[in-house]
Amino acid sequence: MPEDDPDINAKNVHEIVYDTVPVTAIRNLLQLAAHTKNKLSLVSCPALILKSKVDHVVPPENSDFIFERISSVFKRIETLENSYHVASMDYDKQSIVDETLFFIKSIAASSSIISKI
């Protein structure tokens, strides 16, 4: 099936994409999503979820669904206000770096405190 244009808000940014997407790969991805949906509560590791406010590929509500169902003690969800689906190449790419670094440092600080108890 033909590949659409990349979902990027920023102008003059070009993602390298395939001309087509194999239908089998899409089917496998959908099967994996269905299988995983019922196992989200098994996720207990720290989790940072970054979602775009506007995403033409994956509804942002999917991130909320995941966040509510994982059992991680350390979890955080942030909304990227100015990017679309390919956020790492979009306007919020620096926010992704900053949020990720902050999250990792927070986990590291919490781990240090916990290990001293």
Protein backbone atom coordinates (compact mmCIF):
# COMPACT_ATOMS: atom_id res chain seq x y z
CA MET A 1 0.00 0.00 0.00
CA PRO A 2 1.31 3.51 -0.73
CA GLU A 3 3.06 5.43 2.03
CA ASP A 4 1.61 8.86 2.87
CA ASP A 5 3.65 12.00 3.44
CA PRO A 6 5.39 12.12 6.83
CA ASP A 7 3.28 13.59 9.63
CA ILE A 8 5.57 16.53 10.47
CA ASN A 9 4.37 20.03 11.33
CA ALA A 10 7.71 21.79 10.68
CA LYS A 11 8.31 23.02 7.18
CA ASN A 12 11.36 22.03 5.13
CA VAL A 13 11.91 18.85 7.15
CA HIS A 14 12.08 15.68 5.12
CA GLU A 15 11.82 12.19 6.54
CA ILE A 16 13.12 9.31 4.47
CA VAL A 17 10.19 6.95 3.93
CA TYR A 18 9.46 3.84 1.94
CA ASP A 19 7.36 4.14 -1.20
CA THR A 20 5.05 1.42 0.09
CA VAL A 21 4.27 -0.29 3.37
CA PRO A 22 3.91 -4.09 3.34
CA VAL A 23 0.35 -5.08 4.22
CA THR A 24 1.67 -8.06 6.21
CA ALA A 25 3.66 -5.71 8.43
CA ILE A 26 0.55 -3.64 9.15
CA ARG A 27 -1.44 -6.78 9.95
CA ASN A 28 1.30 -8.00 12.31
CA LEU A 29 1.45 -4.61 14.02
CA LEU A 30 -2.31 -4.62 14.61
CA GLN A 31 -2.16 -8.18 15.99
CA LEU A 32 0.66 -7.19 18.33
CA ALA A 33 -1.31 -4.15 19.53
CA ALA A 34 -4.35 -6.31 20.28
CA HIS A 35 -2.20 -8.85 22.15
CA THR A 36 -0.35 -6.18 24.12
CA LYS A 37 -3.46 -4.21 25.11
CA ASN A 38 -4.43 -6.76 27.76
CA LYS A 39 -0.91 -6.99 29.16
CA LEU A 40 -0.26 -3.32 29.91
CA SER A 41 -0.67 -3.86 33.65
CA LEU A 42 2.44 -6.06 33.53
CA VAL A 43 4.58 -3.02 32.69
CA SER A 44 6.19 -1.92 35.94
CA CYS A 45 9.41 -0.25 34.80
CA PRO A 46 9.72 3.55 34.74
CA ALA A 47 7.83 4.94 31.76
CA LEU A 48 7.93 8.28 30.00
CA ILE A 49 5.19 8.74 27.44
CA LEU A 50 5.47 11.66 25.04
CA LYS A 51 2.49 12.33 22.81
CA SER A 52 1.78 14.96 20.21
CA LYS A 53 -1.27 17.13 20.78
CA VAL A 54 -2.07 16.70 17.08
CA ASP A 55 -1.14 13.36 15.53
CA HIS A 56 -2.61 12.25 12.21
CA VAL A 57 -1.25 8.70 12.54
CA VAL A 58 -1.97 7.62 16.13
CA PRO A 59 -4.73 9.22 18.21
CA PRO A 60 -3.20 11.00 21.25
CA GLU A 61 -5.82 9.26 23.41
CA ASN A 62 -3.91 6.01 22.87
CA SER A 63 -1.12 7.41 25.05
CA ASP A 64 -3.61 8.19 27.82
CA PHE A 65 -5.00 4.65 27.54
CA ILE A 66 -1.51 3.19 28.00
CA PHE A 67 -0.58 5.57 30.83
CA GLU A 68 -3.71 4.69 32.80
CA ARG A 69 -3.14 0.95 32.48
CA ILE A 70 0.57 0.47 33.13
CA SER A 71 1.47 -0.29 36.74
CA SER A 72 4.72 1.66 36.80
CA VAL A 73 5.35 3.58 40.01
CA PHE A 74 7.47 6.11 38.15
CA LYS A 75 5.50 7.20 35.13
CA ARG A 76 5.00 10.49 33.40
CA ILE A 77 3.03 11.64 30.37
CA GLU A 78 3.78 14.87 28.52
CA THR A 79 2.07 16.51 25.58
CA LEU A 80 4.13 17.98 22.76
CA GLU A 81 2.23 21.08 21.69
CA ASN A 82 3.86 21.90 18.35
CA SER A 83 4.69 18.59 16.71
CA TYR A 84 2.86 15.91 14.80
CA HIS A 85 3.57 12.16 14.71
CA VAL A 86 7.27 12.34 13.79
CA ALA A 87 7.98 14.53 16.82
CA SER A 88 11.70 13.73 16.97
CA MET A 89 12.12 15.63 13.69
CA ASP A 90 9.55 18.33 14.44
CA TYR A 91 9.36 21.57 16.41
CA ASP A 92 9.41 19.85 19.82
CA LYS A 93 12.56 17.78 19.25
CA GLN A 94 14.49 19.72 21.92
CA SER A 95 11.59 19.27 24.35
CA ILE A 96 11.88 15.53 23.80
CA VAL A 97 15.56 15.65 24.77
CA ASP A 98 14.85 17.88 27.78
CA GLU A 99 11.90 15.80 29.05
CA THR A 100 13.82 12.56 28.61
CA LEU A 101 16.87 13.88 30.45
CA PHE A 102 14.70 15.24 33.27
CA PHE A 103 12.89 11.91 33.58
CA ILE A 104 16.11 9.89 33.69
CA LYS A 105 17.65 12.24 36.27
CA SER A 106 14.47 12.01 38.37
CA ILE A 107 14.58 8.22 38.31
CA ALA A 108 18.29 8.21 39.14
CA ALA A 109 17.75 10.60 42.08
CA SER A 110 14.85 8.52 43.39
CA SER A 111 16.89 5.34 43.08
CA SER A 112 19.75 6.88 45.05
CA ILE A 113 17.41 7.91 47.85
CA ILE A 114 15.68 4.52 47.94
CA SER A 115 18.97 2.59 48.01
CA LYS A 116 20.11 4.53 51.11
CA ILE A 117 17.04 3.52 53.14
